[in-house]
Amino acid sequence: MLEDKNLYALYNALIVKPIEEQETNYGSIVVPDLGNEKNKIGEVVDVGEGHYSVTGAWISTTCKKGDLVVLPTQGFTKFEFKGEEYYIGPENQVLAVISEEKPKSSSLPF
């Protein structure tokens, strides 16, 4: 049923595919990162267009497809679609963008 469907972000939401972090190796011993709750790093796969502020001004999203972002440990919804794991949440909860240049901010109404 879902094989011919795609996943799209709405309003100011982002869909982020997590990037798997490597486990630490000491010789031939693999040390998993158990119990350490870390922020997730992921690649933005879809972006909503934006949303209206409480004053009625349109605020476009700043992130774009392909951006590497740092997500909070809580707040984004973990979602599995077609056997792949994604995180979905509002752009204003993204902690940082990993980039060579600082991203441009969207136009704020004030």
PDB file of N, CA and C in Angstrom:
ATOM      1  N   MET A   1       0.814  -1.190   0.000  1.00  0.00           N
ATOM      2  CA  MET A   1       0.000   0.000   0.000  1.00  0.00           C
ATOM      3  C   MET A   1       0.865   1.265   0.000  1.00  0.00           C
ATOM      4  N   LEU A   2       1.950   1.303   0.771  1.00  0.00           N
ATOM      5  CA  LEU A   2       2.792   2.494   0.849  1.00  0.00           C
ATOM      6  C   LEU A   2       3.914   2.502  -0.180  1.00  0.00           C
ATOM      7  N   GLU A   3       4.065   1.430  -0.934  1.00  0.00           N
ATOM      8  CA  GLU A   3       5.187   1.323  -1.859  1.00  0.00           C
ATOM      9  C   GLU A   3       5.212   2.441  -2.894  1.00  0.00           C
ATOM     10  N   ASP A   4       4.041   2.917  -3.315  1.00  0.00           N
ATOM     11  CA  ASP A   4       3.976   3.954  -4.335  1.00  0.00           C
ATOM     12  C   ASP A   4       3.777   5.355  -3.750  1.00  0.00           C
ATOM     13  N   LYS A   5       3.921   5.483  -2.429  1.00  0.00           N
ATOM     14  CA  LYS A   5       3.742   6.775  -1.760  1.00  0.00           C
ATOM     15  C   LYS A   5       5.087   7.359  -1.346  1.00  0.00           C
ATOM     16  N   ASN A   6       5.102   8.666  -1.107  1.00  0.00           N
ATOM     17  CA  ASN A   6       6.293   9.361  -0.619  1.00  0.00           C
ATOM     18  C   ASN A   6       5.948  10.100   0.666  1.00  0.00           C
ATOM     19  N   LEU A   7       6.974  10.526   1.384  1.00  0.00           N
ATOM     20  CA  LEU A   7       6.826  11.236   2.640  1.00  0.00           C
ATOM     21  C   LEU A   7       7.180  12.704   2.408  1.00  0.00           C
ATOM     22  N   TYR A   8       6.269  13.622   2.747  1.00  0.00           N
ATOM     23  CA  TYR A   8       6.481  15.047   2.521  1.00  0.00           C
ATOM     24  C   TYR A   8       6.277  15.831   3.815  1.00  0.00           C
ATOM     25  N   ALA A   9       7.093  16.833   4.038  1.00  0.00           N
ATOM     26  CA  ALA A   9       6.958  17.710   5.209  1.00  0.00           C
ATOM     27  C   ALA A   9       5.952  18.817   4.919  1.00  0.00           C
ATOM     28  N   LEU A  10       5.221  19.220   5.937  1.00  0.00           N
ATOM     29  CA  LEU A  10       4.247  20.296   5.814  1.00  0.00           C
ATOM     30  C   LEU A  10       4.618  21.446   6.746  1.00  0.00           C
ATOM     31  N   TYR A  11       4.108  22.622   6.438  1.00  0.00           N
ATOM     32  CA  TYR A  11       4.294  23.832   7.249  1.00  0.00           C
ATOM     33  C   TYR A  11       5.772  24.065   7.551  1.00  0.00           C
ATOM     34  N   ASN A  12       6.172  24.108   8.821  1.00  0.00           N
ATOM     35  CA  ASN A  12       7.577  24.361   9.151  1.00  0.00           C
ATOM     36  C   ASN A  12       8.288  23.086   9.608  1.00  0.00           C
ATOM     37  N   ALA A  13       7.770  21.939   9.225  1.00  0.00           N
ATOM     38  CA  ALA A  13       8.349  20.662   9.639  1.00  0.00           C
ATOM     39  C   ALA A  13       9.534  20.262   8.759  1.00  0.00           C
ATOM     40  N   LEU A  14      10.427  19.466   9.353  1.00  0.00           N
ATOM     41  CA  LEU A  14      11.547  18.873   8.635  1.00  0.00           C
ATOM     42  C   LEU A  14      11.439  17.366   8.752  1.00  0.00           C
ATOM     43  N   ILE A  15      11.851  16.677   7.712  1.00  0.00           N
ATOM     44  CA  ILE A  15      12.016  15.228   7.765  1.00  0.00           C
ATOM     45  C   ILE A  15      13.511  14.974   7.657  1.00  0.00           C
ATOM     46  N   VAL A  16      14.062  14.297   8.671  1.00  0.00           N
ATOM     47  CA  VAL A  16      15.507  14.111   8.775  1.00  0.00           C
ATOM     48  C   VAL A  16      15.817  12.625   8.829  1.00  0.00           C
ATOM     49  N   LYS A  17      16.753  12.205   7.998  1.00  0.00           N
ATOM     50  CA  LYS A  17      17.228  10.825   8.025  1.00  0.00           C
ATOM     51  C   LYS A  17      18.477  10.798   8.892  1.00  0.00           C
ATOM     52  N   PRO A  18      18.458  10.031  10.005  1.00  0.00           N
ATOM     53  CA  PRO A  18      19.618  10.023  10.890  1.00  0.00           C
ATOM     54  C   PRO A  18      20.840   9.406  10.224  1.00  0.00           C
ATOM     55  N   ILE A  19      21.995   9.930  10.573  1.00  0.00           N
ATOM     56  CA  ILE A  19      23.260   9.383  10.106  1.00  0.00           C
ATOM     57  C   ILE A  19      23.779   8.499  11.222  1.00  0.00           C
ATOM     58  N   GLU A  20      24.033   7.255  10.898  1.00  0.00           N
ATOM     59  CA  GLU A  20      24.498   6.307  11.912  1.00  0.00           C
ATOM     60  C   GLU A  20      25.889   6.673  12.379  1.00  0.00           C
ATOM     61  N   GLU A  21      26.060   6.726  13.695  1.00  0.00           N
ATOM     62  CA  GLU A  21      27.363   7.025  14.265  1.00  0.00           C
ATOM     63  C   GLU A  21      28.142   5.730  14.439  1.00  0.00           C
ATOM     64  N   GLN A  22      29.436   5.820  14.297  1.00  0.00           N
ATOM     65  CA  GLN A  22      30.305   4.656  14.418  1.00  0.00           C
ATOM     66  C   GLN A  22      30.493   4.279  15.882  1.00  0.00           C
ATOM     67  N   GLU A  23      30.579   2.967  16.140  1.00  0.00           N
ATOM     68  CA  GLU A  23      30.911   2.497  17.472  1.00  0.00           C
ATOM     69  C   GLU A  23      32.414   2.604  17.666  1.00  0.00           C
ATOM     70  N   THR A  24      32.841   2.715  18.899  1.00  0.00           N
ATOM     71  CA  THR A  24      34.256   2.828  19.202  1.00  0.00           C
ATOM     72  C   THR A  24      34.892   1.447  19.224  1.00  0.00           C
ATOM     73  N   ASN A  25      36.042   1.309  18.595  1.00  0.00           N
ATOM     74  CA  ASN A  25      36.788   0.049  18.596  1.00  0.00           C
ATOM     75  C   ASN A  25      38.077   0.209  19.391  1.00  0.00           C
ATOM     76  N   TYR A  26      38.367  -0.760  20.235  1.00  0.00           N
ATOM     77  CA  TYR A  26      39.648  -0.845  20.921  1.00  0.00           C
ATOM     78  C   TYR A  26      40.249  -2.183  20.517  1.00  0.00           C
ATOM     79  N   GLY A  27      41.117  -2.157  19.508  1.00  0.00           N
ATOM     80  CA  GLY A  27      41.629  -3.420  18.957  1.00  0.00           C
ATOM     81  C   GLY A  27      40.490  -4.124  18.256  1.00  0.00           C
ATOM     82  N   SER A  28      40.214  -5.362  18.660  1.00  0.00           N
ATOM     83  CA  SER A  28      39.111  -6.105  18.044  1.00  0.00           C
ATOM     84  C   SER A  28      37.852  -6.057  18.902  1.00  0.00           C
ATOM     85  N   ILE A  29      37.868  -5.267  19.974  1.00  0.00           N
ATOM     86  CA  ILE A  29      36.713  -5.154  20.864  1.00  0.00           C
ATOM     87  C   ILE A  29      35.881  -3.944  20.443  1.00  0.00           C
ATOM     88  N   VAL A  30      34.598  -4.193  20.177  1.00  0.00           N
ATOM     89  CA  VAL A  30      33.669  -3.117  19.811  1.00  0.00           C
ATOM     90  C   VAL A  30      32.985  -2.633  21.084  1.00  0.00           C
ATOM     91  N   VAL A  31      33.064  -1.329  21.328  1.00  0.00           N
ATOM     92  CA  VAL A  31      32.444  -0.737  22.522  1.00  0.00           C
ATOM     93  C   VAL A  31      31.244   0.085  22.074  1.00  0.00           C
ATOM     94  N   PRO A  32      30.020  -0.451  22.235  1.00  0.00           N
ATOM     95  CA  PRO A  32      28.843   0.337  21.858  1.00  0.00           C
ATOM     96  C   PRO A  32      28.629   1.488  22.821  1.00  0.00           C
ATOM     97  N   ASP A  33      27.938   2.492  22.360  1.00  0.00           N
ATOM     98  CA  ASP A  33      27.679   3.684  23.165  1.00  0.00           C
ATOM     99  C   ASP A  33      26.376   3.488  23.916  1.00  0.00           C
ATOM    100  N   LEU A  34      26.407   2.681  24.969  1.00  0.00           N
ATOM    101  CA  LEU A  34      25.199   2.362  25.725  1.00  0.00           C
ATOM    102  C   LEU A  34      24.933   3.393  26.803  1.00  0.00           C
ATOM    103  N   GLY A  35      23.692   3.754  26.962  1.00  0.00           N
ATOM    104  CA  GLY A  35      23.296   4.613  28.054  1.00  0.00           C
ATOM    105  C   GLY A  35      23.634   6.082  27.872  1.00  0.00           C
ATOM    106  N   ASN A  36      24.364   6.430  26.853  1.00  0.00           N
ATOM    107  CA  ASN A  36      24.689   7.835  26.620  1.00  0.00           C
ATOM    108  C   ASN A  36      23.680   8.403  25.639  1.00  0.00           C
ATOM    109  N   GLU A  37      22.833   9.273  26.113  1.00  0.00           N
ATOM    110  CA  GLU A  37      21.855   9.883  25.234  1.00  0.00           C
ATOM    111  C   GLU A  37      22.524  11.057  24.539  1.00  0.00           C
ATOM    112  N   LYS A  38      22.710  10.927  23.238  1.00  0.00           N
ATOM    113  CA  LYS A  38      23.389  11.958  22.469  1.00  0.00           C
ATOM    114  C   LYS A  38      22.417  12.608  21.503  1.00  0.00           C
ATOM    115  N   ASN A  39      22.735  13.810  21.114  1.00  0.00           N
ATOM    116  CA  ASN A  39      21.955  14.463  20.069  1.00  0.00           C
ATOM    117  C   ASN A  39      22.195  13.726  18.764  1.00  0.00           C
ATOM    118  N   LYS A  40      21.167  13.617  17.949  1.00  0.00           N
ATOM    119  CA  LYS A  40      21.249  12.939  16.659  1.00  0.00           C
ATOM    120  C   LYS A  40      21.727  13.911  15.593  1.00  0.00           C
ATOM    121  N   ILE A  41      22.530  13.398  14.677  1.00  0.00           N
ATOM    122  CA  ILE A  41      22.928  14.147  13.490  1.00  0.00           C
ATOM    123  C   ILE A  41      22.238  13.477  12.325  1.00  0.00           C
ATOM    124  N   GLY A  42      21.666  14.285  11.434  1.00  0.00           N
ATOM    125  CA  GLY A  42      20.963  13.712  10.307  1.00  0.00           C
ATOM    126  C   GLY A  42      20.975  14.634   9.109  1.00  0.00           C
ATOM    127  N   GLU A  43      20.521  14.070   7.998  1.00  0.00           N
ATOM    128  CA  GLU A  43      20.425  14.820   6.742  1.00  0.00           C
ATOM    129  C   GLU A  43      18.965  15.133   6.461  1.00  0.00           C
ATOM    130  N   VAL A  44      18.694  16.381   6.153  1.00  0.00           N
ATOM    131  CA  VAL A  44      17.329  16.816   5.847  1.00  0.00           C
ATOM    132  C   VAL A  44      16.938  16.239   4.489  1.00  0.00           C
ATOM    133  N   VAL A  45      15.822  15.498   4.460  1.00  0.00           N
ATOM    134  CA  VAL A  45      15.358  14.913   3.202  1.00  0.00           C
ATOM    135  C   VAL A  45      14.143  15.629   2.633  1.00  0.00           C
ATOM    136  N   ASP A  46      13.417  16.377   3.479  1.00  0.00           N
ATOM    137  CA  ASP A  46      12.319  17.190   2.967  1.00  0.00           C
ATOM    138  C   ASP A  46      12.028  18.307   3.963  1.00  0.00           C
ATOM    139  N   VAL A  47      11.538  19.420   3.441  1.00  0.00           N
ATOM    140  CA  VAL A  47      11.297  20.616   4.233  1.00  0.00           C
ATOM    141  C   VAL A  47       9.927  21.180   3.872  1.00  0.00           C
ATOM    142  N   GLY A  48       9.158  21.545   4.893  1.00  0.00           N
ATOM    143  CA  GLY A  48       7.904  22.253   4.645  1.00  0.00           C
ATOM    144  C   GLY A  48       8.205  23.665   4.171  1.00  0.00           C
ATOM    145  N   GLU A  49       7.216  24.329   3.613  1.00  0.00           N
ATOM    146  CA  GLU A  49       7.434  25.661   3.035  1.00  0.00           C
ATOM    147  C   GLU A  49       7.571  26.763   4.075  1.00  0.00           C
ATOM    148  N   GLY A  50       6.938  26.611   5.234  1.00  0.00           N
ATOM    149  CA  GLY A  50       6.983  27.638   6.265  1.00  0.00           C
ATOM    150  C   GLY A  50       5.645  27.732   6.960  1.00  0.00           C
ATOM    151  N   HIS A  51       5.459  28.835   7.688  1.00  0.00           N
ATOM    152  CA  HIS A  51       4.212  29.017   8.416  1.00  0.00           C
ATOM    153  C   HIS A  51       3.966  30.505   8.659  1.00  0.00           C
ATOM    154  N   TYR A  52       2.748  30.816   9.054  1.00  0.00           N
ATOM    155  CA  TYR A  52       2.396  32.196   9.393  1.00  0.00           C
ATOM    156  C   TYR A  52       2.671  32.447  10.867  1.00  0.00           C
ATOM    157  N   SER A  53       3.199  33.613  11.181  1.00  0.00           N
ATOM    158  CA  SER A  53       3.415  34.006  12.575  1.00  0.00           C
ATOM    159  C   SER A  53       2.082  34.424  13.179  1.00  0.00           C
ATOM    160  N   VAL A  54       2.082  34.692  14.465  1.00  0.00           N
ATOM    161  CA  VAL A  54       0.845  35.126  15.131  1.00  0.00           C
ATOM    162  C   VAL A  54       0.379  36.484  14.616  1.00  0.00           C
ATOM    163  N   THR A  55       1.288  37.261  14.016  1.00  0.00           N
ATOM    164  CA  THR A  55       0.902  38.561  13.456  1.00  0.00           C
ATOM    165  C   THR A  55       0.478  38.456  11.994  1.00  0.00           C
ATOM    166  N   GLY A  56       0.550  37.256  11.432  1.00  0.00           N
ATOM    167  CA  GLY A  56       0.123  37.062  10.058  1.00  0.00           C
ATOM    168  C   GLY A  56       1.233  37.144   9.032  1.00  0.00           C
ATOM    169  N   ALA A  57       2.471  37.358   9.463  1.00  0.00           N
ATOM    170  CA  ALA A  57       3.598  37.423   8.531  1.00  0.00           C
ATOM    171  C   ALA A  57       4.038  36.003   8.169  1.00  0.00           C
ATOM    172  N   TRP A  58       4.382  35.813   6.907  1.00  0.00           N
ATOM    173  CA  TRP A  58       4.845  34.510   6.441  1.00  0.00           C
ATOM    174  C   TRP A  58       6.316  34.324   6.821  1.00  0.00           C
ATOM    175  N   ILE A  59       6.634  33.191   7.451  1.00  0.00           N
ATOM    176  CA  ILE A  59       8.011  32.867   7.821  1.00  0.00           C
ATOM    177  C   ILE A  59       8.416  31.612   7.057  1.00  0.00           C
ATOM    178  N   SER A  60       9.330  31.765   6.115  1.00  0.00           N
ATOM    179  CA  SER A  60       9.815  30.632   5.327  1.00  0.00           C
ATOM    180  C   SER A  60      10.793  29.806   6.147  1.00  0.00           C
ATOM    181  N   THR A  61      10.885  28.534   5.823  1.00  0.00           N
ATOM    182  CA  THR A  61      11.869  27.690   6.502  1.00  0.00           C
ATOM    183  C   THR A  61      13.267  28.053   6.028  1.00  0.00           C
ATOM    184  N   THR A  62      14.241  27.859   6.898  1.00  0.00           N
ATOM    185  CA  THR A  62      15.633  28.196   6.610  1.00  0.00           C
ATOM    186  C   THR A  62      16.397  26.984   6.099  1.00  0.00           C
ATOM    187  N   CYS A  63      16.148  25.821   6.701  1.00  0.00           N
ATOM    188  CA  CYS A  63      16.843  24.593   6.289  1.00  0.00           C
ATOM    189  C   CYS A  63      16.402  24.188   4.893  1.00  0.00           C
ATOM    190  N   LYS A  64      17.262  23.444   4.235  1.00  0.00           N
ATOM    191  CA  LYS A  64      16.940  22.941   2.899  1.00  0.00           C
ATOM    192  C   LYS A  64      17.365  21.487   2.783  1.00  0.00           C
ATOM    193  N   LYS A  65      16.864  20.824   1.759  1.00  0.00           N
ATOM    194  CA  LYS A  65      17.226  19.432   1.535  1.00  0.00           C
ATOM    195  C   LYS A  65      18.742  19.298   1.444  1.00  0.00           C
ATOM    196  N   GLY A  66      19.267  18.259   2.086  1.00  0.00           N
ATOM    197  CA  GLY A  66      20.697  18.000   2.042  1.00  0.00           C
ATOM    198  C   GLY A  66      21.473  18.594   3.200  1.00  0.00           C
ATOM    199  N   ASP A  67      20.879  19.525   3.959  1.00  0.00           N
ATOM    200  CA  ASP A  67      21.560  20.098   5.122  1.00  0.00           C
ATOM    201  C   ASP A  67      21.814  19.021   6.171  1.00  0.00           C
ATOM    202  N   LEU A  68      22.963  19.101   6.837  1.00  0.00           N
ATOM    203  CA  LEU A  68      23.237  18.258   7.996  1.00  0.00           C
ATOM    204  C   LEU A  68      22.842  19.046   9.229  1.00  0.00           C
ATOM    205  N   VAL A  69      22.016  18.443  10.083  1.00  0.00           N
ATOM    206  CA  VAL A  69      21.505  19.160  11.246  1.00  0.00           C
ATOM    207  C   VAL A  69      21.734  18.343  12.512  1.00  0.00           C
ATOM    208  N   VAL A  70      21.767  19.059  13.637  1.00  0.00           N
ATOM    209  CA  VAL A  70      21.859  18.432  14.951  1.00  0.00           C
ATOM    210  C   VAL A  70      20.474  18.538  15.587  1.00  0.00           C
ATOM    211  N   LEU A  71      19.915  17.392  15.964  1.00  0.00           N
ATOM    212  CA  LEU A  71      18.582  17.343  16.556  1.00  0.00           C
ATOM    213  C   LEU A  71      18.684  17.203  18.066  1.00  0.00           C
ATOM    214  N   PRO A  72      17.690  17.687  18.796  1.00  0.00           N
ATOM    215  CA  PRO A  72      17.700  17.519  20.252  1.00  0.00           C
ATOM    216  C   PRO A  72      17.473  16.054  20.618  1.00  0.00           C
ATOM    217  N   THR A  73      17.805  15.692  21.856  1.00  0.00           N
ATOM    218  CA  THR A  73      17.605  14.311  22.289  1.00  0.00           C
ATOM    219  C   THR A  73      16.128  13.967  22.398  1.00  0.00           C
ATOM    220  N   GLN A  74      15.290  14.962  22.610  1.00  0.00           N
ATOM    221  CA  GLN A  74      13.848  14.750  22.657  1.00  0.00           C
ATOM    222  C   GLN A  74      13.170  15.849  21.857  1.00  0.00           C
ATOM    223  N   GLY A  75      11.983  15.563  21.351  1.00  0.00           N
ATOM    224  CA  GLY A  75      11.223  16.596  20.659  1.00  0.00           C
ATOM    225  C   GLY A  75      10.847  16.209  19.239  1.00  0.00           C
ATOM    226  N   PHE A  76      11.725  15.531  18.528  1.00  0.00           N
ATOM    227  CA  PHE A  76      11.398  15.079  17.193  1.00  0.00           C
ATOM    228  C   PHE A  76      10.757  13.695  17.281  1.00  0.00           C
ATOM    229  N   THR A  77       9.815  13.410  16.403  1.00  0.00           N
ATOM    230  CA  THR A  77       9.122  12.132  16.386  1.00  0.00           C
ATOM    231  C   THR A  77       9.898  11.147  15.531  1.00  0.00           C
ATOM    232  N   LYS A  78      10.188   9.991  16.090  1.00  0.00           N
ATOM    233  CA  LYS A  78      10.852   8.921  15.344  1.00  0.00           C
ATOM    234  C   LYS A  78       9.779   8.215  14.521  1.00  0.00           C
ATOM    235  N   PHE A  79      10.049   8.031  13.223  1.00  0.00           N
ATOM    236  CA  PHE A  79       9.039   7.480  12.319  1.00  0.00           C
ATOM    237  C   PHE A  79       9.701   6.520  11.348  1.00  0.00           C
ATOM    238  N   GLU A  80       9.120   5.338  11.183  1.00  0.00           N
ATOM    239  CA  GLU A  80       9.647   4.373  10.220  1.00  0.00           C
ATOM    240  C   GLU A  80       8.744   4.365   8.992  1.00  0.00           C
ATOM    241  N   PHE A  81       9.369   4.496   7.821  1.00  0.00           N
ATOM    242  CA  PHE A  81       8.629   4.546   6.557  1.00  0.00           C
ATOM    243  C   PHE A  81       9.404   3.752   5.521  1.00  0.00           C
ATOM    244  N   LYS A  82       8.760   2.760   4.949  1.00  0.00           N
ATOM    245  CA  LYS A  82       9.376   1.880   3.947  1.00  0.00           C
ATOM    246  C   LYS A  82      10.687   1.269   4.453  1.00  0.00           C
ATOM    247  N   GLY A  83      10.706   0.877   5.712  1.00  0.00           N
ATOM    248  CA  GLY A  83      11.868   0.232   6.294  1.00  0.00           C
ATOM    249  C   GLY A  83      13.015   1.164   6.662  1.00  0.00           C
ATOM    250  N   GLU A  84      12.828   2.463   6.505  1.00  0.00           N
ATOM    251  CA  GLU A  84      13.857   3.460   6.838  1.00  0.00           C
ATOM    252  C   GLU A  84      13.408   4.246   8.058  1.00  0.00           C
ATOM    253  N   GLU A  85      14.369   4.672   8.879  1.00  0.00           N
ATOM    254  CA  GLU A  85      14.071   5.467  10.060  1.00  0.00           C
ATOM    255  C   GLU A  85      14.223   6.949   9.744  1.00  0.00           C
ATOM    256  N   TYR A  86      13.254   7.738  10.196  1.00  0.00           N
ATOM    257  CA  TYR A  86      13.276   9.187  10.004  1.00  0.00           C
ATOM    258  C   TYR A  86      12.909   9.866  11.321  1.00  0.00           C
ATOM    259  N   TYR A  87      13.271  11.143  11.431  1.00  0.00           N
ATOM    260  CA  TYR A  87      12.825  11.989  12.523  1.00  0.00           C
ATOM    261  C   TYR A  87      12.068  13.157  11.903  1.00  0.00           C
ATOM    262  N   ILE A  88      10.900  13.468  12.478  1.00  0.00           N
ATOM    263  CA  ILE A  88      10.057  14.530  11.951  1.00  0.00           C
ATOM    264  C   ILE A  88       9.752  15.511  13.078  1.00  0.00           C
ATOM    265  N   GLY A  89       9.951  16.803  12.803  1.00  0.00           N
ATOM    266  CA  GLY A  89       9.667  17.805  13.821  1.00  0.00           C
ATOM    267  C   GLY A  89       9.784  19.201  13.262  1.00  0.00           C
ATOM    268  N   PRO A  90       9.453  20.193  14.078  1.00  0.00           N
ATOM    269  CA  PRO A  90       9.485  21.585  13.625  1.00  0.00           C
ATOM    270  C   PRO A  90      10.911  22.108  13.493  1.00  0.00           C
ATOM    271  N   GLU A  91      11.099  22.966  12.513  1.00  0.00           N
ATOM    272  CA  GLU A  91      12.429  23.518  12.244  1.00  0.00           C
ATOM    273  C   GLU A  91      12.986  24.284  13.440  1.00  0.00           C
ATOM    274  N   ASN A  92      12.144  24.951  14.204  1.00  0.00           N
ATOM    275  CA  ASN A  92      12.652  25.766  15.308  1.00  0.00           C
ATOM    276  C   ASN A  92      13.208  24.944  16.462  1.00  0.00           C
ATOM    277  N   GLN A  93      13.109  23.616  16.411  1.00  0.00           N
ATOM    278  CA  GLN A  93      13.717  22.774  17.435  1.00  0.00           C
ATOM    279  C   GLN A  93      15.086  22.228  17.014  1.00  0.00           C
ATOM    280  N   VAL A  94      15.493  22.478  15.775  1.00  0.00           N
ATOM    281  CA  VAL A  94      16.822  22.061  15.327  1.00  0.00           C
ATOM    282  C   VAL A  94      17.855  22.878  16.097  1.00  0.00           C
ATOM    283  N   LEU A  95      18.862  22.210  16.636  1.00  0.00           N
ATOM    284  CA  LEU A  95      19.857  22.894  17.459  1.00  0.00           C
ATOM    285  C   LEU A  95      20.930  23.582  16.631  1.00  0.00           C
ATOM    286  N   ALA A  96      21.318  22.989  15.497  1.00  0.00           N
ATOM    287  CA  ALA A  96      22.399  23.559  14.685  1.00  0.00           C
ATOM    288  C   ALA A  96      22.384  22.956  13.292  1.00  0.00           C
ATOM    289  N   VAL A  97      22.966  23.701  12.356  1.00  0.00           N
ATOM    290  CA  VAL A  97      23.212  23.220  11.006  1.00  0.00           C
ATOM    291  C   VAL A  97      24.725  23.063  10.873  1.00  0.00           C
ATOM    292  N   ILE A  98      25.164  21.917  10.365  1.00  0.00           N
ATOM    293  CA  ILE A  98      26.585  21.672  10.155  1.00  0.00           C
ATOM    294  C   ILE A  98      26.901  22.082   8.726  1.00  0.00           C
ATOM    295  N   SER A  99      27.677  23.146   8.566  1.00  0.00           N
ATOM    296  CA  SER A  99      27.918  23.713   7.248  1.00  0.00           C
ATOM    297  C   SER A  99      29.230  24.486   7.236  1.00  0.00           C
ATOM    298  N   GLU A 100      29.738  24.744   6.038  1.00  0.00           N
ATOM    299  CA  GLU A 100      30.929  25.572   5.898  1.00  0.00           C
ATOM    300  C   GLU A 100      30.583  27.046   6.078  1.00  0.00           C
ATOM    301  N   GLU A 101      29.342  27.420   5.736  1.00  0.00           N
ATOM    302  CA  GLU A 101      28.886  28.800   5.858  1.00  0.00           C
ATOM    303  C   GLU A 101      27.686  28.859   6.798  1.00  0.00           C
ATOM    304  N   LYS A 102      27.517  29.992   7.450  1.00  0.00           N
ATOM    305  CA  LYS A 102      26.354  30.180   8.303  1.00  0.00           C
ATOM    306  C   LYS A 102      25.115  30.315   7.420  1.00  0.00           C
ATOM    307  N   PRO A 103      24.043  29.537   7.716  1.00  0.00           N
ATOM    308  CA  PRO A 103      22.833  29.658   6.904  1.00  0.00           C
ATOM    309  C   PRO A 103      22.158  30.998   7.126  1.00  0.00           C
ATOM    310  N   LYS A 104      21.452  31.465   6.103  1.00  0.00           N
ATOM    311  CA  LYS A 104      20.713  32.721   6.206  1.00  0.00           C
ATOM    312  C   LYS A 104      19.436  32.482   6.991  1.00  0.00           C
ATOM    313  N   SER A 105      19.126  33.413   7.876  1.00  0.00           N
ATOM    314  CA  SER A 105      17.892  33.310   8.666  1.00  0.00           C
ATOM    315  C   SER A 105      16.706  33.708   7.807  1.00  0.00           C
ATOM    316  N   SER A 106      15.554  33.136   8.154  1.00  0.00           N
ATOM    317  CA  SER A 106      14.340  33.535   7.447  1.00  0.00           C
ATOM    318  C   SER A 106      13.963  34.939   7.895  1.00  0.00           C
ATOM    319  N   SER A 107      13.120  35.563   7.114  1.00  0.00           N
ATOM    320  CA  SER A 107      12.717  36.934   7.460  1.00  0.00           C
ATOM    321  C   SER A 107      11.749  36.892   8.627  1.00  0.00           C
ATOM    322  N   LEU A 108      12.099  37.558   9.693  1.00  0.00           N
ATOM    323  CA  LEU A 108      11.250  37.603  10.863  1.00  0.00           C
ATOM    324  C   LEU A 108      10.366  38.847  10.797  1.00  0.00           C
ATOM    325  N   PRO A 109       9.182  38.788  11.396  1.00  0.00           N
ATOM    326  CA  PRO A 109       8.254  39.909  11.287  1.00  0.00           C
ATOM    327  C   PRO A 109       8.620  41.100  12.144  1.00  0.00           C
ATOM    328  N   PHE A 110       9.724  41.064  12.880  1.00  0.00           N
ATOM    329  CA  PHE A 110      10.097  42.205  13.723  1.00  0.00           C
ATOM    330  C   PHE A 110      11.506  42.619  13.456  1.00  0.00           C
TER     331      PHE A 110
END
